Amino acid sequence: MSEDQSGTTVFIIDDDAGVRRWIARLLDTVGIAHEQFERAEEFLESFDPGAPGCVLLDVRMPGMGGRALQERLLELGAEIPILFMTGFGEVSMAVDALQKGAVEFLEKPIKGQDLLDRVQKAVDKDAAQRQRRRSQDGNVRVLDRLTPREHQVVELILQGHNNKRIAHKLSVSSQAIDARKANLMRKLGVTSVAELVAFVMSCRGDNTDD
């Protein structure tokens, strides 16, 4: 496990104690931290929505089932990857779960190495998502340091206006806009209009990366 994944925990939620123990032993062989829960309700009582890692979740359990827990995590804003486990090959359920953010839908019995590979993939995805959010948060703080007039210039750039048009709209000279644009680009650490646009759009969450 990389340094970026330190503190990562795999949350095993299954009412079958034998399955939980088997998965726990498997994760121990590769040094991945884990916590076990017999019921979804028990997991929710202690879960931190900001916790790094992934969830290994049985679909059918007494009380709150796996799909209901997925819905609850979405309501909480938790973006932790979910790997569903089921002994029933229900295609419609799998499709719906995947559309709502689950990363895998595994049919029992699950091969050990296959499970480890899927867990590592989910953990890697979670680490990448967290890194993107940290970068985005840092960019937002930088963007917030712009002056009100610089924000106006940025908005007009995003609307596709050239320097001459921006100067006209703000009732200033083109030279003044050149200076303001150079200053705001320096603050944002970008060197072109294309980079500036990409920077601002990433701050607003308009990021098409997976």
N, C-alpha and C. Protein backbone atom coordinates (compact mmCIF):
# COMPACT_ATOMS: atom_id res chain seq x y z
N MET A 1 0.85 -1.19 0.00
CA MET A 1 0.00 0.00 0.00
C MET A 1 0.88 1.24 0.00
N SER A 2 0.54 2.23 -0.81
CA SER A 2 1.35 3.43 -0.95
C SER A 2 1.12 4.37 0.21
N GLU A 3 2.01 5.42 0.31
CA GLU A 3 1.86 6.40 1.37
C GLU A 3 0.54 7.16 1.23
N ASP A 4 0.08 7.35 -0.03
CA ASP A 4 -1.17 8.06 -0.26
C ASP A 4 -2.36 7.31 0.32
N GLN A 5 -2.16 6.00 0.58
CA GLN A 5 -3.25 5.17 1.07
C GLN A 5 -3.11 4.86 2.56
N SER A 6 -2.20 5.57 3.25
CA SER A 6 -2.06 5.34 4.68
C SER A 6 -3.34 5.76 5.38
N GLY A 7 -3.74 4.99 6.37
CA GLY A 7 -5.00 5.27 7.06
C GLY A 7 -6.20 4.66 6.37
N THR A 8 -5.95 3.99 5.25
CA THR A 8 -7.04 3.35 4.50
C THR A 8 -7.57 2.14 5.24
N THR A 9 -8.88 2.00 5.26
CA THR A 9 -9.53 0.87 5.92
C THR A 9 -10.57 0.25 4.99
N VAL A 10 -10.59 -1.07 4.95
CA VAL A 10 -11.65 -1.78 4.23
C VAL A 10 -12.71 -2.17 5.25
N PHE A 11 -13.93 -1.71 5.03
CA PHE A 11 -15.04 -1.99 5.94
C PHE A 11 -15.81 -3.20 5.41
N ILE A 12 -15.77 -4.29 6.16
CA ILE A 12 -16.41 -5.54 5.76
C ILE A 12 -17.78 -5.62 6.44
N ILE A 13 -18.84 -5.62 5.64
CA ILE A 13 -20.19 -5.64 6.21
C ILE A 13 -20.93 -6.85 5.65
N ASP A 14 -21.10 -7.86 6.50
CA ASP A 14 -21.74 -9.11 6.07
C ASP A 14 -22.27 -9.80 7.31
N ASP A 15 -23.49 -10.31 7.25
CA ASP A 15 -24.06 -10.97 8.42
C ASP A 15 -23.49 -12.36 8.63
N ASP A 16 -22.72 -12.87 7.68
CA ASP A 16 -22.10 -14.19 7.79
C ASP A 16 -20.71 -14.03 8.42
N ALA A 17 -20.56 -14.49 9.66
CA ALA A 17 -19.30 -14.34 10.38
C ALA A 17 -18.16 -15.06 9.67
N GLY A 18 -18.46 -16.21 9.06
CA GLY A 18 -17.43 -16.96 8.35
C GLY A 18 -16.87 -16.18 7.17
N VAL A 19 -17.75 -15.52 6.44
CA VAL A 19 -17.31 -14.69 5.30
C VAL A 19 -16.46 -13.53 5.80
N ARG A 20 -16.88 -12.90 6.88
CA ARG A 20 -16.12 -11.77 7.42
C ARG A 20 -14.72 -12.21 7.83
N ARG A 21 -14.62 -13.33 8.52
CA ARG A 21 -13.32 -13.82 8.97
C ARG A 21 -12.42 -14.16 7.79
N TRP A 22 -12.99 -14.79 6.76
CA TRP A 22 -12.21 -15.16 5.57
C TRP A 22 -11.65 -13.92 4.88
N ILE A 23 -12.48 -12.92 4.72
CA ILE A 23 -12.02 -11.68 4.07
C ILE A 23 -10.96 -11.00 4.93
N ALA A 24 -11.18 -10.98 6.25
CA ALA A 24 -10.23 -10.34 7.16
C ALA A 24 -8.86 -11.01 7.07
N ARG A 25 -8.84 -12.34 7.07
CA ARG A 25 -7.57 -13.06 6.97
C ARG A 25 -6.89 -12.76 5.63
N LEU A 26 -7.68 -12.68 4.59
CA LEU A 26 -7.15 -12.39 3.25
C LEU A 26 -6.50 -11.00 3.23
N LEU A 27 -7.17 -10.03 3.81
CA LEU A 27 -6.62 -8.67 3.84
C LEU A 27 -5.38 -8.59 4.71
N ASP A 28 -5.35 -9.39 5.77
CA ASP A 28 -4.17 -9.43 6.65
C ASP A 28 -2.92 -9.86 5.88
N THR A 29 -3.09 -10.74 4.91
CA THR A 29 -1.93 -11.25 4.16
C THR A 29 -1.24 -10.17 3.35
N VAL A 30 -1.95 -9.09 3.03
CA VAL A 30 -1.35 -8.00 2.24
C VAL A 30 -1.27 -6.70 3.04
N GLY A 31 -1.52 -6.81 4.34
CA GLY A 31 -1.34 -5.65 5.22
C GLY A 31 -2.35 -4.54 5.08
N ILE A 32 -3.57 -4.88 4.69
CA ILE A 32 -4.62 -3.87 4.56
C ILE A 32 -5.48 -3.86 5.82
N ALA A 33 -5.60 -2.69 6.44
CA ALA A 33 -6.41 -2.56 7.65
C ALA A 33 -7.88 -2.80 7.34
N HIS A 34 -8.60 -3.33 8.31
CA HIS A 34 -10.02 -3.64 8.07
C HIS A 34 -10.81 -3.56 9.36
N GLU A 35 -12.11 -3.36 9.21
CA GLU A 35 -13.05 -3.41 10.32
C GLU A 35 -14.23 -4.27 9.89
N GLN A 36 -14.77 -5.04 10.83
CA GLN A 36 -15.87 -5.95 10.50
C GLN A 36 -17.17 -5.50 11.17
N PHE A 37 -18.26 -5.66 10.42
CA PHE A 37 -19.59 -5.32 10.94
C PHE A 37 -20.59 -6.38 10.50
N GLU A 38 -21.42 -6.80 11.46
CA GLU A 38 -22.44 -7.82 11.15
C GLU A 38 -23.67 -7.19 10.51
N ARG A 39 -23.93 -5.93 10.85
CA ARG A 39 -25.13 -5.27 10.36
C ARG A 39 -24.79 -3.88 9.82
N ALA A 40 -25.57 -3.44 8.83
CA ALA A 40 -25.34 -2.12 8.24
C ALA A 40 -25.55 -1.02 9.27
N GLU A 41 -26.55 -1.21 10.14
CA GLU A 41 -26.83 -0.20 11.16
C GLU A 41 -25.64 0.00 12.09
N GLU A 42 -24.97 -1.10 12.42
CA GLU A 42 -23.79 -1.04 13.29
C GLU A 42 -22.67 -0.24 12.61
N PHE A 43 -22.51 -0.46 11.32
CA PHE A 43 -21.50 0.27 10.55
C PHE A 43 -21.79 1.77 10.56
N LEU A 44 -23.04 2.14 10.33
CA LEU A 44 -23.41 3.56 10.26
C LEU A 44 -23.17 4.29 11.57
N GLU A 45 -23.30 3.58 12.69
CA GLU A 45 -23.12 4.21 14.00
C GLU A 45 -21.70 4.73 14.19
N SER A 46 -20.73 4.09 13.56
CA SER A 46 -19.33 4.48 13.79
C SER A 46 -18.65 5.05 12.55
N PHE A 47 -19.34 5.07 11.41
CA PHE A 47 -18.69 5.47 10.16
C PHE A 47 -18.48 6.97 10.06
N ASP A 48 -17.26 7.34 9.67
CA ASP A 48 -16.93 8.73 9.36
C ASP A 48 -17.00 8.89 7.84
N PRO A 49 -17.91 9.73 7.32
CA PRO A 49 -18.05 9.89 5.87
C PRO A 49 -16.77 10.31 5.16
N GLY A 50 -15.83 10.86 5.93
CA GLY A 50 -14.56 11.26 5.32
C GLY A 50 -13.49 10.20 5.39
N ALA A 51 -13.83 9.02 5.91
CA ALA A 51 -12.83 7.97 6.10
C ALA A 51 -12.35 7.42 4.76
N PRO A 52 -11.03 7.27 4.59
CA PRO A 52 -10.50 6.70 3.34
C PRO A 52 -10.61 5.18 3.34
N GLY A 53 -10.78 4.61 2.15
CA GLY A 53 -10.84 3.17 2.02
C GLY A 53 -11.91 2.72 1.07
N CYS A 54 -12.54 1.60 1.38
CA CYS A 54 -13.66 1.10 0.57
C CYS A 54 -14.54 0.23 1.44
N VAL A 55 -15.72 -0.08 0.93
CA VAL A 55 -16.69 -0.90 1.66
C VAL A 55 -16.94 -2.18 0.89
N LEU A 56 -16.77 -3.32 1.58
CA LEU A 56 -17.16 -4.62 1.03
C LEU A 56 -18.51 -4.94 1.66
N LEU A 57 -19.55 -4.97 0.84
CA LEU A 57 -20.91 -4.95 1.37
C LEU A 57 -21.77 -6.08 0.82
N ASP A 58 -22.32 -6.88 1.72
CA ASP A 58 -23.26 -7.93 1.32
C ASP A 58 -24.59 -7.28 0.93
N VAL A 59 -25.21 -7.80 -0.11
CA VAL A 59 -26.47 -7.22 -0.58
C VAL A 59 -27.61 -7.55 0.37
N ARG A 60 -27.72 -8.82 0.74
CA ARG A 60 -28.87 -9.27 1.54
C ARG A 60 -28.44 -9.51 2.99
N MET A 61 -28.98 -8.70 3.90
CA MET A 61 -28.69 -8.84 5.33
C MET A 61 -29.96 -8.55 6.11
N PRO A 62 -30.06 -9.06 7.34
CA PRO A 62 -31.20 -8.72 8.19
C PRO A 62 -31.22 -7.22 8.46
N GLY A 63 -32.39 -6.65 8.59
CA GLY A 63 -32.48 -5.21 8.83
C GLY A 63 -32.17 -4.44 7.56
N MET A 64 -31.31 -3.46 7.66
CA MET A 64 -30.94 -2.65 6.50
C MET A 64 -30.08 -3.47 5.54
N GLY A 65 -30.53 -3.63 4.31
CA GLY A 65 -29.77 -4.36 3.31
C GLY A 65 -28.69 -3.51 2.68
N GLY A 66 -27.89 -4.14 1.84
CA GLY A 66 -26.79 -3.44 1.21
C GLY A 66 -27.20 -2.27 0.34
N ARG A 67 -28.27 -2.45 -0.44
CA ARG A 67 -28.72 -1.37 -1.32
C ARG A 67 -29.23 -0.18 -0.51
N ALA A 68 -29.93 -0.46 0.60
CA ALA A 68 -30.43 0.62 1.46
C ALA A 68 -29.26 1.38 2.09
N LEU A 69 -28.21 0.65 2.45
CA LEU A 69 -27.03 1.30 3.01
C LEU A 69 -26.36 2.19 1.96
N GLN A 70 -26.29 1.71 0.72
CA GLN A 70 -25.73 2.53 -0.35
C GLN A 70 -26.49 3.85 -0.48
N GLU A 71 -27.82 3.76 -0.45
CA GLU A 71 -28.65 4.97 -0.54
C GLU A 71 -28.37 5.91 0.63
N ARG A 72 -28.20 5.34 1.82
CA ARG A 72 -27.94 6.17 3.00
C ARG A 72 -26.58 6.86 2.89
N LEU A 73 -25.58 6.16 2.39
CA LEU A 73 -24.26 6.75 2.23
C LEU A 73 -24.29 7.88 1.21
N LEU A 74 -25.08 7.72 0.16
CA LEU A 74 -25.23 8.79 -0.82
C LEU A 74 -25.85 10.02 -0.18
N GLU A 75 -26.85 9.80 0.69
CA GLU A 75 -27.49 10.92 1.39
C GLU A 75 -26.50 11.64 2.30
N LEU A 76 -25.55 10.89 2.87
CA LEU A 76 -24.55 11.48 3.76
C LEU A 76 -23.43 12.18 2.99
N GLY A 77 -23.44 12.01 1.67
CA GLY A 77 -22.38 12.61 0.86
C GLY A 77 -21.08 11.83 0.89
N ALA A 78 -21.13 10.59 1.36
CA ALA A 78 -19.92 9.76 1.41
C ALA A 78 -19.61 9.22 0.02
N GLU A 79 -18.39 9.42 -0.44
CA GLU A 79 -18.00 8.98 -1.77
C GLU A 79 -17.11 7.75 -1.73
N ILE A 80 -17.08 7.07 -0.60
CA ILE A 80 -16.24 5.89 -0.46
C ILE A 80 -16.70 4.81 -1.44
N PRO A 81 -15.76 4.17 -2.17
CA PRO A 81 -16.14 3.12 -3.13
C PRO A 81 -16.79 1.92 -2.44
N ILE A 82 -17.80 1.36 -3.09
CA ILE A 82 -18.52 0.20 -2.56
C ILE A 82 -18.36 -0.98 -3.50
N LEU A 83 -17.99 -2.13 -2.94
CA LEU A 83 -17.96 -3.38 -3.68
C LEU A 83 -19.06 -4.26 -3.09
N PHE A 84 -20.08 -4.54 -3.88
CA PHE A 84 -21.17 -5.39 -3.42
C PHE A 84 -20.81 -6.86 -3.57
N MET A 85 -21.26 -7.66 -2.61
CA MET A 85 -21.10 -9.11 -2.67
C MET A 85 -22.49 -9.73 -2.59
N THR A 86 -22.75 -10.71 -3.45
CA THR A 86 -24.06 -11.35 -3.42
C THR A 86 -23.96 -12.80 -3.87
N GLY A 87 -24.84 -13.60 -3.33
CA GLY A 87 -24.94 -14.99 -3.77
C GLY A 87 -26.01 -15.16 -4.81
N PHE A 88 -26.62 -14.04 -5.21
CA PHE A 88 -27.72 -14.07 -6.17
C PHE A 88 -27.36 -13.21 -7.38
N GLY A 89 -27.38 -13.80 -8.57
CA GLY A 89 -27.02 -13.07 -9.78
C GLY A 89 -28.17 -12.25 -10.32
N GLU A 90 -28.45 -11.12 -9.69
CA GLU A 90 -29.56 -10.27 -10.11
C GLU A 90 -29.04 -9.12 -10.95
N VAL A 91 -29.22 -9.23 -12.27
CA VAL A 91 -28.65 -8.26 -13.20
C VAL A 91 -29.21 -6.86 -12.97
N SER A 92 -30.53 -6.73 -12.82
CA SER A 92 -31.13 -5.41 -12.66
C SER A 92 -30.62 -4.71 -11.41
N MET A 93 -30.46 -5.46 -10.34
CA MET A 93 -29.94 -4.90 -9.10
C MET A 93 -28.50 -4.42 -9.29
N ALA A 94 -27.71 -5.23 -9.97
CA ALA A 94 -26.31 -4.88 -10.21
C ALA A 94 -26.20 -3.61 -11.03
N VAL A 95 -26.98 -3.52 -12.09
CA VAL A 95 -26.94 -2.34 -12.96
C VAL A 95 -27.30 -1.09 -12.19
N ASP A 96 -28.36 -1.16 -11.38
CA ASP A 96 -28.80 0.00 -10.62
C ASP A 96 -27.74 0.41 -9.59
N ALA A 97 -27.15 -0.58 -8.93
CA ALA A 97 -26.12 -0.28 -7.93
C ALA A 97 -24.91 0.37 -8.56
N LEU A 98 -24.50 -0.13 -9.73
CA LEU A 98 -23.34 0.44 -10.42
C LEU A 98 -23.63 1.85 -10.91
N GLN A 99 -24.85 2.09 -11.37
CA GLN A 99 -25.23 3.43 -11.82
C GLN A 99 -25.20 4.44 -10.68
N LYS A 100 -25.38 3.96 -9.46
CA LYS A 100 -25.39 4.84 -8.30
C LYS A 100 -24.03 4.90 -7.60
N GLY A 101 -22.99 4.41 -8.28
CA GLY A 101 -21.64 4.63 -7.78
C GLY A 101 -20.88 3.42 -7.29
N ALA A 102 -21.52 2.25 -7.18
CA ALA A 102 -20.78 1.07 -6.77
C ALA A 102 -19.69 0.77 -7.80
N VAL A 103 -18.54 0.30 -7.34
CA VAL A 103 -17.45 0.05 -8.28
C VAL A 103 -17.40 -1.40 -8.75
N GLU A 104 -17.98 -2.30 -7.98
CA GLU A 104 -17.98 -3.71 -8.36
C GLU A 104 -19.23 -4.39 -7.83
N PHE A 105 -19.62 -5.49 -8.50
CA PHE A 105 -20.73 -6.31 -8.04
C PHE A 105 -20.25 -7.76 -8.15
N LEU A 106 -19.80 -8.33 -7.03
CA LEU A 106 -19.14 -9.63 -7.03
C LEU A 106 -20.10 -10.74 -6.60
N GLU A 107 -20.10 -11.83 -7.36
CA GLU A 107 -20.94 -12.98 -7.02
C GLU A 107 -20.16 -13.98 -6.18
N LYS A 108 -20.76 -14.40 -5.07
CA LYS A 108 -20.16 -15.43 -4.23
C LYS A 108 -20.34 -16.80 -4.90
N PRO A 109 -19.40 -17.74 -4.70
CA PRO A 109 -18.15 -17.59 -3.95
C PRO A 109 -17.12 -16.76 -4.73
N ILE A 110 -16.37 -15.96 -4.02
CA ILE A 110 -15.40 -15.06 -4.64
C ILE A 110 -14.00 -15.64 -4.46
N LYS A 111 -13.23 -15.66 -5.52
CA LYS A 111 -11.84 -16.13 -5.42
C LYS A 111 -11.00 -15.11 -4.66
N GLY A 112 -10.09 -15.62 -3.83
CA GLY A 112 -9.30 -14.74 -2.98
C GLY A 112 -8.52 -13.68 -3.72
N GLN A 113 -7.76 -14.08 -4.74
CA GLN A 113 -6.95 -13.11 -5.46
C GLN A 113 -7.81 -12.11 -6.21
N ASP A 114 -8.94 -12.60 -6.72
CA ASP A 114 -9.86 -11.70 -7.42
C ASP A 114 -10.38 -10.63 -6.46
N LEU A 115 -10.71 -11.04 -5.25
CA LEU A 115 -11.20 -10.09 -4.26
C LEU A 115 -10.12 -9.06 -3.92
N LEU A 116 -8.89 -9.53 -3.71
CA LEU A 116 -7.80 -8.61 -3.39
C LEU A 116 -7.56 -7.61 -4.52
N ASP A 117 -7.63 -8.10 -5.75
CA ASP A 117 -7.43 -7.22 -6.91
C ASP A 117 -8.50 -6.14 -6.96
N ARG A 118 -9.76 -6.54 -6.72
CA ARG A 118 -10.86 -5.58 -6.77
C ARG A 118 -10.77 -4.57 -5.62
N VAL A 119 -10.36 -5.06 -4.45
CA VAL A 119 -10.20 -4.16 -3.31
C VAL A 119 -9.11 -3.13 -3.59
N GLN A 120 -7.98 -3.59 -4.14
CA GLN A 120 -6.89 -2.66 -4.45
C GLN A 120 -7.33 -1.62 -5.47
N LYS A 121 -8.09 -2.06 -6.45
CA LYS A 121 -8.61 -1.13 -7.46
C LYS A 121 -9.50 -0.07 -6.81
N ALA A 122 -10.35 -0.50 -5.89
CA ALA A 122 -11.26 0.43 -5.21
C ALA A 122 -10.48 1.40 -4.32
N VAL A 123 -9.48 0.88 -3.62
CA VAL A 123 -8.66 1.73 -2.75
C VAL A 123 -7.89 2.76 -3.58
N ASP A 124 -7.36 2.31 -4.73
CA ASP A 124 -6.65 3.24 -5.63
C ASP A 124 -7.60 4.33 -6.12
N LYS A 125 -8.82 3.95 -6.47
CA LYS A 125 -9.80 4.93 -6.94
C LYS A 125 -10.11 5.94 -5.85
N ASP A 126 -10.27 5.47 -4.62
CA ASP A 126 -10.57 6.36 -3.51
C ASP A 126 -9.42 7.34 -3.28
N ALA A 127 -8.18 6.85 -3.33
CA ALA A 127 -7.02 7.72 -3.13
C ALA A 127 -6.94 8.78 -4.22
N ALA A 128 -7.23 8.39 -5.47
CA ALA A 128 -7.19 9.34 -6.58
C ALA A 128 -8.28 10.41 -6.43
N GLN A 129 -9.47 9.98 -6.00
CA GLN A 129 -10.56 10.93 -5.78
C GLN A 129 -10.20 11.94 -4.70
N ARG A 130 -9.59 11.45 -3.64
CA ARG A 130 -9.22 12.34 -2.54
C ARG A 130 -8.14 13.33 -2.96
N GLN A 131 -7.19 12.87 -3.77
CA GLN A 131 -6.15 13.77 -4.26
C GLN A 131 -6.75 14.86 -5.14
N ARG A 132 -7.71 14.48 -6.00
CA ARG A 132 -8.36 15.48 -6.85
C ARG A 132 -9.12 16.51 -6.01
N ARG A 133 -9.78 16.02 -4.95
CA ARG A 133 -10.53 16.96 -4.10
C ARG A 133 -9.59 17.90 -3.36
N ARG A 134 -8.43 17.38 -2.91
CA ARG A 134 -7.46 18.25 -2.23
C ARG A 134 -6.94 19.32 -3.19
N SER A 135 -6.64 18.91 -4.42
CA SER A 135 -6.17 19.87 -5.42
C SER A 135 -7.24 20.91 -5.72
N GLN A 136 -8.48 20.44 -5.85
CA GLN A 136 -9.58 21.35 -6.14
C GLN A 136 -9.78 22.34 -4.99
N ASP A 137 -9.71 21.86 -3.75
CA ASP A 137 -9.88 22.74 -2.60
C ASP A 137 -8.80 23.80 -2.57
N GLY A 138 -7.55 23.39 -2.89
CA GLY A 138 -6.46 24.36 -2.92
C GLY A 138 -6.66 25.39 -4.00
N ASN A 139 -7.13 24.95 -5.16
CA ASN A 139 -7.39 25.89 -6.26
C ASN A 139 -8.49 26.89 -5.91
N VAL A 140 -9.51 26.41 -5.22
CA VAL A 140 -10.61 27.29 -4.81
C VAL A 140 -10.09 28.39 -3.88
N ARG A 141 -9.20 28.01 -2.96
CA ARG A 141 -8.64 29.01 -2.04
C ARG A 141 -7.84 30.07 -2.81
N VAL A 142 -7.09 29.63 -3.83
CA VAL A 142 -6.33 30.57 -4.65
C VAL A 142 -7.29 31.49 -5.40
N LEU A 143 -8.34 30.91 -5.98
CA LEU A 143 -9.30 31.71 -6.74
C LEU A 143 -9.98 32.75 -5.85
N ASP A 144 -10.21 32.39 -4.60
CA ASP A 144 -10.87 33.32 -3.68
C ASP A 144 -10.02 34.54 -3.36
N ARG A 145 -8.71 34.47 -3.65
CA ARG A 145 -7.84 35.60 -3.36
C ARG A 145 -7.87 36.67 -4.45
N LEU A 146 -8.57 36.41 -5.55
CA LEU A 146 -8.69 37.43 -6.60
C LEU A 146 -9.55 38.58 -6.11
N THR A 147 -9.28 39.77 -6.64
CA THR A 147 -10.09 40.94 -6.30
C THR A 147 -11.43 40.86 -7.03
N PRO A 148 -12.43 41.62 -6.57
CA PRO A 148 -13.73 41.63 -7.28
C PRO A 148 -13.58 41.97 -8.76
N ARG A 149 -12.73 42.94 -9.10
CA ARG A 149 -12.57 43.29 -10.51
C ARG A 149 -11.89 42.15 -11.29
N GLU A 150 -10.95 41.45 -10.65
CA GLU A 150 -10.31 40.32 -11.31
C GLU A 150 -11.32 39.20 -11.55
N HIS A 151 -12.24 39.02 -10.61
CA HIS A 151 -13.30 38.03 -10.81
C HIS A 151 -14.17 38.42 -12.01
N GLN A 152 -14.43 39.71 -12.17
CA GLN A 152 -15.21 40.16 -13.32
C GLN A 152 -14.48 39.83 -14.62
N VAL A 153 -13.18 40.08 -14.63
CA VAL A 153 -12.38 39.78 -15.82
C VAL A 153 -12.43 38.29 -16.13
N VAL A 154 -12.31 37.45 -15.09
CA VAL A 154 -12.36 36.00 -15.29
C VAL A 154 -13.69 35.59 -15.91
N GLU A 155 -14.79 36.12 -15.37
CA GLU A 155 -16.11 35.75 -15.90
C GLU A 155 -16.26 36.15 -17.36
N LEU A 156 -15.74 37.31 -17.72
CA LEU A 156 -15.84 37.76 -19.11
C LEU A 156 -14.96 36.91 -20.02
N ILE A 157 -13.82 36.48 -19.51
CA ILE A 157 -12.96 35.56 -20.29
C ILE A 157 -13.70 34.25 -20.53
N LEU A 158 -14.36 33.74 -19.48
CA LEU A 158 -15.11 32.48 -19.61
C LEU A 158 -16.25 32.61 -20.62
N GLN A 159 -16.77 33.82 -20.76
CA GLN A 159 -17.84 34.05 -21.73
C GLN A 159 -17.31 34.21 -23.15
N GLY A 160 -15.98 34.17 -23.29
CA GLY A 160 -15.39 34.21 -24.63
C GLY A 160 -15.03 35.58 -25.15
N HIS A 161 -15.05 36.60 -24.30
CA HIS A 161 -14.74 37.96 -24.76
C HIS A 161 -13.23 38.16 -24.88
N ASN A 162 -12.80 38.90 -25.89
CA ASN A 162 -11.39 39.25 -26.02
C ASN A 162 -11.08 40.48 -25.17
N ASN A 163 -9.79 40.85 -25.12
CA ASN A 163 -9.38 41.97 -24.26
C ASN A 163 -10.11 43.27 -24.60
N LYS A 164 -10.25 43.53 -25.89
CA LYS A 164 -10.89 44.78 -26.32
C LYS A 164 -12.33 44.83 -25.84
N ARG A 165 -13.04 43.72 -25.97
CA ARG A 165 -14.45 43.67 -25.54
C ARG A 165 -14.56 43.78 -24.02
N ILE A 166 -13.65 43.11 -23.31
CA ILE A 166 -13.66 43.19 -21.85
C ILE A 166 -13.42 44.63 -21.40
N ALA A 167 -12.46 45.29 -22.04
CA ALA A 167 -12.16 46.68 -21.70
C ALA A 167 -13.38 47.57 -21.90
N HIS A 168 -14.10 47.33 -22.99
CA HIS A 168 -15.30 48.12 -23.27
C HIS A 168 -16.37 47.89 -22.20
N LYS A 169 -16.57 46.63 -21.84
CA LYS A 169 -17.61 46.30 -20.85
C LYS A 169 -17.29 46.89 -19.48
N LEU A 170 -16.00 46.95 -19.14
CA LEU A 170 -15.61 47.45 -17.82
C LEU A 170 -15.22 48.92 -17.84
N SER A 171 -15.32 49.53 -19.02
CA SER A 171 -15.02 50.97 -19.17
C SER A 171 -13.60 51.32 -18.73
N VAL A 172 -12.66 50.48 -19.17
CA VAL A 172 -11.24 50.75 -18.90
C VAL A 172 -10.48 50.57 -20.20
N SER A 173 -9.20 50.88 -20.18
CA SER A 173 -8.39 50.74 -21.38
C SER A 173 -7.98 49.29 -21.59
N SER A 174 -7.63 48.95 -22.83
CA SER A 174 -7.15 47.60 -23.13
C SER A 174 -5.87 47.31 -22.37
N GLN A 175 -5.04 48.34 -22.19
CA GLN A 175 -3.80 48.16 -21.44
C GLN A 175 -4.08 47.78 -19.98
N ALA A 176 -5.14 48.37 -19.42
CA ALA A 176 -5.51 48.04 -18.04
C ALA A 176 -5.95 46.58 -17.93
N ILE A 177 -6.68 46.12 -18.95
CA ILE A 177 -7.12 44.72 -18.96
C ILE A 177 -5.92 43.80 -19.12
N ASP A 178 -4.98 44.18 -19.98
CA ASP A 178 -3.76 43.38 -20.14
C ASP A 178 -3.06 43.22 -18.79
N ALA A 179 -2.96 44.31 -18.05
CA ALA A 179 -2.28 44.28 -16.76
C ALA A 179 -3.05 43.42 -15.76
N ARG A 180 -4.38 43.58 -15.73
CA ARG A 180 -5.19 42.80 -14.79
C ARG A 180 -5.13 41.30 -15.13
N LYS A 181 -5.20 41.01 -16.42
CA LYS A 181 -5.16 39.60 -16.83
C LYS A 181 -3.81 38.99 -16.46
N ALA A 182 -2.73 39.72 -16.70
CA ALA A 182 -1.40 39.21 -16.36
C ALA A 182 -1.28 38.97 -14.86
N ASN A 183 -1.85 39.87 -14.06
CA ASN A 183 -1.76 39.74 -12.61
C ASN A 183 -2.58 38.56 -12.11
N LEU A 184 -3.79 38.40 -12.62
CA LEU A 184 -4.62 37.30 -12.13
C LEU A 184 -4.07 35.95 -12.60
N MET A 185 -3.47 35.91 -13.79
CA MET A 185 -2.87 34.66 -14.25
C MET A 185 -1.66 34.30 -13.40
N ARG A 186 -0.91 35.32 -12.98
CA ARG A 186 0.22 35.08 -12.08
C ARG A 186 -0.29 34.52 -10.75
N LYS A 187 -1.35 35.10 -10.21
CA LYS A 187 -1.92 34.62 -8.95
C LYS A 187 -2.38 33.17 -9.05
N LEU A 188 -2.96 32.82 -10.19
CA LEU A 188 -3.51 31.47 -10.37
C LEU A 188 -2.45 30.47 -10.82
N GLY A 189 -1.28 30.95 -11.20
CA GLY A 189 -0.21 30.06 -11.62
C GLY A 189 -0.45 29.44 -12.98
N VAL A 190 -1.13 30.19 -13.87
CA VAL A 190 -1.39 29.70 -15.23
C VAL A 190 -0.69 30.61 -16.22
N THR A 191 -0.46 30.09 -17.43
CA THR A 191 0.29 30.86 -18.42
C THR A 191 -0.48 31.10 -19.71
N SER A 192 -1.71 30.63 -19.78
CA SER A 192 -2.50 30.83 -20.99
C SER A 192 -3.97 30.92 -20.62
N VAL A 193 -4.76 31.46 -21.54
CA VAL A 193 -6.21 31.55 -21.31
C VAL A 193 -6.81 30.15 -21.17
N ALA A 194 -6.31 29.20 -21.97
CA ALA A 194 -6.83 27.83 -21.89
C ALA A 194 -6.60 27.25 -20.49
N GLU A 195 -5.40 27.47 -19.93
CA GLU A 195 -5.11 26.98 -18.59
C GLU A 195 -5.99 27.69 -17.56
N LEU A 196 -6.22 28.98 -17.75
CA LEU A 196 -7.06 29.74 -16.83
C LEU A 196 -8.48 29.17 -16.81
N VAL A 197 -9.02 28.93 -18.00
CA VAL A 197 -10.38 28.38 -18.10
C VAL A 197 -10.45 27.01 -17.43
N ALA A 198 -9.46 26.15 -17.69
CA ALA A 198 -9.45 24.82 -17.09
C ALA A 198 -9.36 24.91 -15.57
N PHE A 199 -8.55 25.84 -15.08
CA PHE A 199 -8.38 26.04 -13.63
C PHE A 199 -9.72 26.40 -12.98
N VAL A 200 -10.39 27.39 -13.56
CA VAL A 200 -11.65 27.86 -12.98
C VAL A 200 -12.73 26.78 -13.06
N MET A 201 -12.80 26.08 -14.18
CA MET A 201 -13.81 25.04 -14.33
C MET A 201 -13.57 23.90 -13.34
N SER A 202 -12.29 23.59 -13.07
CA SER A 202 -12.01 22.53 -12.10
C SER A 202 -12.45 22.95 -10.70
N CYS A 203 -12.30 24.24 -10.39
CA CYS A 203 -12.75 24.75 -9.09
C CYS A 203 -14.26 24.63 -8.94
N ARG A 204 -14.95 24.72 -10.05
CA ARG A 204 -16.42 24.65 -10.02
C ARG A 204 -16.93 23.22 -10.15
N GLY A 205 -15.99 22.28 -10.20
CA GLY A 205 -16.40 20.88 -10.27
C GLY A 205 -16.70 20.38 -11.65
N ASP A 206 -16.44 21.18 -12.68
CA ASP A 206 -16.70 20.76 -14.06
C ASP A 206 -15.50 20.01 -14.59
N ASN A 207 -15.26 18.83 -13.99
CA ASN A 207 -14.10 18.03 -14.34
C ASN A 207 -14.58 16.72 -14.91
N THR A 208 -14.15 16.42 -16.12
CA THR A 208 -14.64 15.21 -16.79
C THR A 208 -13.75 14.01 -16.56
N ASP A 209 -12.69 14.17 -15.75
CA ASP A 209 -11.81 13.03 -15.50
C ASP A 209 -12.56 11.98 -14.71
N ASP A 210 -12.22 10.71 -14.95
CA ASP A 210 -12.84 9.62 -14.19
C ASP A 210 -12.28 9.59 -12.79
